[in-house]
Amino acid sequence: MSTADLHPMATGHIPSYVTQADGSDFLLTFMFIFTVVVIILIGVGYFTLHSIPEKIAHESNHPQFQLVGILALLALFTHNGLFWVAAVLVAGFQFPDVAAPLRAIADAIRSLGKQDPPEPAPTQSAEPAAQQEQ
């Protein structure tokens, strides 16, 4: 286009984000790629966040590791933050094993019940009579 064909009110500068005559749109392409990258990063962050309780339980060799994993999966699939908080609390604290002392007491009582009762000692009066007869 020559300068004579341009309208006097038209600007000489057209920004680069305006769609070109050939149909290429730089801004649309950039925003599409940017949106896809952001969605992938948010997904990775979301899955990483939900795996934190399992990582904590695995590092501490937690006895309730499977429970922590189930709670984390429930939180992931139901989008319920209460399950995730419960998973973090269970993974973070070792609950005392109250059943072990009770099992030890029960085993001790059971082992006492298996012992044979002591045999009665012979009476003193029966032995001297047997010795006198001989």
C-alpha atoms as a PDB file:
ATOM      1  CA  MET A   1       0.000   0.000   0.000  1.00  0.00           C
ATOM      2  CA  SER A   2       1.229   3.357  -0.813  1.00  0.00           C
ATOM      3  CA  THR A   3       0.860   6.334   1.444  1.00  0.00           C
ATOM      4  CA  ALA A   4      -1.752   7.792  -0.872  1.00  0.00           C
ATOM      5  CA  ASP A   5      -4.044   4.796  -0.286  1.00  0.00           C
ATOM      6  CA  LEU A   6      -4.035   5.148   3.514  1.00  0.00           C
ATOM      7  CA  HIS A   7      -6.726   7.088   5.266  1.00  0.00           C
ATOM      8  CA  PRO A   8      -5.365  10.249   6.859  1.00  0.00           C
ATOM      9  CA  MET A   9      -6.613   9.117  10.308  1.00  0.00           C
ATOM     10  CA  ALA A  10      -4.924   5.690  10.065  1.00  0.00           C
ATOM     11  CA  THR A  11      -1.859   5.172  12.174  1.00  0.00           C
ATOM     12  CA  GLY A  12       1.369   4.105  10.622  1.00  0.00           C
ATOM     13  CA  HIS A  13       2.096   1.660  13.447  1.00  0.00           C
ATOM     14  CA  ILE A  14       0.066  -1.536  13.847  1.00  0.00           C
ATOM     15  CA  PRO A  15       0.818  -3.554  17.042  1.00  0.00           C
ATOM     16  CA  SER A  16       2.294  -7.042  16.637  1.00  0.00           C
ATOM     17  CA  TYR A  17      -0.592  -8.736  18.434  1.00  0.00           C
ATOM     18  CA  VAL A  18      -3.124  -7.677  15.822  1.00  0.00           C
ATOM     19  CA  THR A  19      -3.973 -10.567  13.501  1.00  0.00           C
ATOM     20  CA  GLN A  20      -2.041 -10.397  10.287  1.00  0.00           C
ATOM     21  CA  ALA A  21      -3.657 -10.599   6.876  1.00  0.00           C
ATOM     22  CA  ASP A  22      -2.383 -14.167   6.373  1.00  0.00           C
ATOM     23  CA  GLY A  23      -4.427 -15.375   9.390  1.00  0.00           C
ATOM     24  CA  SER A  24      -1.512 -16.054  11.783  1.00  0.00           C
ATOM     25  CA  ASP A  25      -2.235 -14.899  15.299  1.00  0.00           C
ATOM     26  CA  PHE A  26       0.838 -14.687  17.501  1.00  0.00           C
ATOM     27  CA  LEU A  27      -1.095 -13.780  20.665  1.00  0.00           C
ATOM     28  CA  LEU A  28      -3.563 -16.675  20.284  1.00  0.00           C
ATOM     29  CA  THR A  29      -0.736 -19.160  19.793  1.00  0.00           C
ATOM     30  CA  PHE A  30       1.175 -17.796  22.775  1.00  0.00           C
ATOM     31  CA  MET A  31      -1.889 -17.837  25.057  1.00  0.00           C
ATOM     32  CA  PHE A  32      -2.756 -21.401  23.991  1.00  0.00           C
ATOM     33  CA  ILE A  33       0.724 -22.678  24.841  1.00  0.00           C
ATOM     34  CA  PHE A  34       0.804 -20.640  28.054  1.00  0.00           C
ATOM     35  CA  THR A  35      -2.599 -22.026  29.157  1.00  0.00           C
ATOM     36  CA  VAL A  36      -1.604 -25.638  28.473  1.00  0.00           C
ATOM     37  CA  VAL A  37       1.654 -25.219  30.422  1.00  0.00           C
ATOM     38  CA  VAL A  38      -0.149 -23.574  33.373  1.00  0.00           C
ATOM     39  CA  ILE A  39      -2.785 -26.343  33.483  1.00  0.00           C
ATOM     40  CA  ILE A  40      -0.077 -29.018  33.506  1.00  0.00           C
ATOM     41  CA  LEU A  41       1.862 -27.216  36.258  1.00  0.00           C
ATOM     42  CA  ILE A  42      -1.280 -26.839  38.375  1.00  0.00           C
ATOM     43  CA  GLY A  43      -2.037 -30.551  37.931  1.00  0.00           C
ATOM     44  CA  VAL A  44       1.471 -31.563  38.937  1.00  0.00           C
ATOM     45  CA  GLY A  45       1.277 -29.267  41.966  1.00  0.00           C
ATOM     46  CA  TYR A  46      -2.116 -30.703  42.928  1.00  0.00           C
ATOM     47  CA  PHE A  47      -0.897 -34.299  42.766  1.00  0.00           C
ATOM     48  CA  THR A  48       2.301 -33.385  44.624  1.00  0.00           C
ATOM     49  CA  LEU A  49       0.272 -31.719  47.365  1.00  0.00           C
ATOM     50  CA  HIS A  50      -1.913 -34.792  47.794  1.00  0.00           C
ATOM     51  CA  SER A  51       1.101 -37.093  48.050  1.00  0.00           C
ATOM     52  CA  ILE A  52       2.684 -35.196  50.972  1.00  0.00           C
ATOM     53  CA  PRO A  53       1.026 -37.321  53.729  1.00  0.00           C
ATOM     54  CA  GLU A  54       2.184 -40.550  52.050  1.00  0.00           C
ATOM     55  CA  LYS A  55       5.736 -39.233  51.768  1.00  0.00           C
ATOM     56  CA  ILE A  56       5.731 -38.273  55.453  1.00  0.00           C
ATOM     57  CA  ALA A  57       4.414 -41.703  56.492  1.00  0.00           C
ATOM     58  CA  HIS A  58       6.861 -43.531  54.219  1.00  0.00           C
ATOM     59  CA  GLU A  59       9.894 -41.630  55.533  1.00  0.00           C
ATOM     60  CA  SER A  60       9.004 -42.317  59.167  1.00  0.00           C
ATOM     61  CA  ASN A  61       8.103 -45.978  58.476  1.00  0.00           C
ATOM     62  CA  HIS A  62       4.689 -45.337  59.983  1.00  0.00           C
ATOM     63  CA  PRO A  63       2.721 -48.413  61.098  1.00  0.00           C
ATOM     64  CA  GLN A  64      -0.485 -46.908  59.667  1.00  0.00           C
ATOM     65  CA  PHE A  65       1.010 -46.270  56.200  1.00  0.00           C
ATOM     66  CA  GLN A  66      -1.906 -47.911  54.382  1.00  0.00           C
ATOM     67  CA  LEU A  67      -4.455 -45.832  56.291  1.00  0.00           C
ATOM     68  CA  VAL A  68      -2.590 -42.655  55.336  1.00  0.00           C
ATOM     69  CA  GLY A  69      -2.580 -43.740  51.686  1.00  0.00           C
ATOM     70  CA  ILE A  70      -6.307 -44.464  51.722  1.00  0.00           C
ATOM     71  CA  LEU A  71      -7.098 -41.099  53.301  1.00  0.00           C
ATOM     72  CA  ALA A  72      -4.921 -39.291  50.753  1.00  0.00           C
ATOM     73  CA  LEU A  73      -6.662 -41.073  47.871  1.00  0.00           C
ATOM     74  CA  LEU A  74     -10.078 -40.268  49.323  1.00  0.00           C
ATOM     75  CA  ALA A  75      -9.074 -36.620  49.556  1.00  0.00           C
ATOM     76  CA  LEU A  76      -7.832 -36.708  45.971  1.00  0.00           C
ATOM     77  CA  PHE A  77     -10.962 -38.252  44.483  1.00  0.00           C
ATOM     78  CA  THR A  78     -13.597 -36.537  46.633  1.00  0.00           C
ATOM     79  CA  HIS A  79     -11.936 -33.100  46.833  1.00  0.00           C
ATOM     80  CA  ASN A  80     -12.684 -33.158  50.541  1.00  0.00           C
ATOM     81  CA  GLY A  81      -9.976 -31.390  52.519  1.00  0.00           C
ATOM     82  CA  LEU A  82     -10.973 -33.109  55.746  1.00  0.00           C
ATOM     83  CA  PHE A  83      -9.575 -36.439  54.510  1.00  0.00           C
ATOM     84  CA  TRP A  84      -6.293 -34.764  53.571  1.00  0.00           C
ATOM     85  CA  VAL A  85      -5.990 -33.088  56.980  1.00  0.00           C
ATOM     86  CA  ALA A  86      -6.732 -36.424  58.656  1.00  0.00           C
ATOM     87  CA  ALA A  87      -4.031 -38.093  56.517  1.00  0.00           C
ATOM     88  CA  VAL A  88      -1.486 -35.446  57.517  1.00  0.00           C
ATOM     89  CA  LEU A  89      -2.380 -35.815  61.198  1.00  0.00           C
ATOM     90  CA  VAL A  90      -2.181 -39.617  61.118  1.00  0.00           C
ATOM     91  CA  ALA A  91       1.132 -39.469  59.216  1.00  0.00           C
ATOM     92  CA  GLY A  92       2.587 -36.844  61.525  1.00  0.00           C
ATOM     93  CA  PHE A  93       1.893 -38.494  64.852  1.00  0.00           C
ATOM     94  CA  GLN A  94       2.730 -41.963  66.110  1.00  0.00           C
ATOM     95  CA  PHE A  95      -0.145 -43.218  68.178  1.00  0.00           C
ATOM     96  CA  PRO A  96       0.876 -45.254  71.224  1.00  0.00           C
ATOM     97  CA  ASP A  97       0.302 -48.989  70.950  1.00  0.00           C
ATOM     98  CA  VAL A  98      -2.002 -49.727  73.877  1.00  0.00           C
ATOM     99  CA  ALA A  99      -2.733 -53.247  72.708  1.00  0.00           C
ATOM    100  CA  ALA A 100       0.868 -54.519  73.105  1.00  0.00           C
ATOM    101  CA  PRO A 101       0.981 -54.310  76.936  1.00  0.00           C
ATOM    102  CA  LEU A 102      -2.466 -55.877  77.155  1.00  0.00           C
ATOM    103  CA  ARG A 103      -1.331 -58.731  74.880  1.00  0.00           C
ATOM    104  CA  ALA A 104       1.756 -59.247  77.064  1.00  0.00           C
ATOM    105  CA  ILE A 105      -0.412 -59.441  80.198  1.00  0.00           C
ATOM    106  CA  ALA A 106      -2.790 -61.879  78.516  1.00  0.00           C
ATOM    107  CA  ASP A 107       0.108 -64.067  77.342  1.00  0.00           C
ATOM    108  CA  ALA A 108       1.591 -64.110  80.854  1.00  0.00           C
ATOM    109  CA  ILE A 109      -1.726 -65.130  82.388  1.00  0.00           C
ATOM    110  CA  ARG A 110      -2.212 -67.767  79.691  1.00  0.00           C
ATOM    111  CA  SER A 111       1.254 -69.224  80.362  1.00  0.00           C
ATOM    112  CA  LEU A 112       0.503 -69.394  84.092  1.00  0.00           C
ATOM    113  CA  GLY A 113      -2.663 -71.350  83.366  1.00  0.00           C
ATOM    114  CA  LYS A 114      -0.743 -73.973  81.339  1.00  0.00           C
ATOM    115  CA  GLN A 115       1.584 -74.931  84.213  1.00  0.00           C
ATOM    116  CA  ASP A 116       0.868 -78.225  85.972  1.00  0.00           C
ATOM    117  CA  PRO A 117      -0.167 -77.834  89.586  1.00  0.00           C
ATOM    118  CA  PRO A 118       2.565 -78.931  92.031  1.00  0.00           C
ATOM    119  CA  GLU A 119       2.212 -82.480  93.359  1.00  0.00           C
ATOM    120  CA  PRO A 120       1.216 -82.691  97.010  1.00  0.00           C
ATOM    121  CA  ALA A 121       4.058 -83.578  99.334  1.00  0.00           C
ATOM    122  CA  PRO A 122       3.723 -86.961 101.076  1.00  0.00           C
ATOM    123  CA  THR A 123       2.567 -86.754 104.672  1.00  0.00           C
ATOM    124  CA  GLN A 124       5.044 -87.514 107.459  1.00  0.00           C
ATOM    125  CA  SER A 125       2.786 -89.861 109.371  1.00  0.00           C
ATOM    126  CA  ALA A 126       2.483 -92.418 106.555  1.00  0.00           C
ATOM    127  CA  GLU A 127       6.236 -92.878 106.038  1.00  0.00           C
ATOM    128  CA  PRO A 128       7.248 -93.916 109.584  1.00  0.00           C
ATOM    129  CA  ALA A 129       4.489 -96.517 109.703  1.00  0.00           C
ATOM    130  CA  ALA A 130       5.781 -98.032 106.489  1.00  0.00           C
ATOM    131  CA  GLN A 131       9.331 -98.133 107.871  1.00  0.00           C
ATOM    132  CA  GLN A 132       8.200 -99.856 111.082  1.00  0.00           C
ATOM    133  CA  GLU A 133       6.512-102.698 109.226  1.00  0.00           C
ATOM    134  CA  GLN A 134       9.735-103.644 107.498  1.00  0.00           C
END
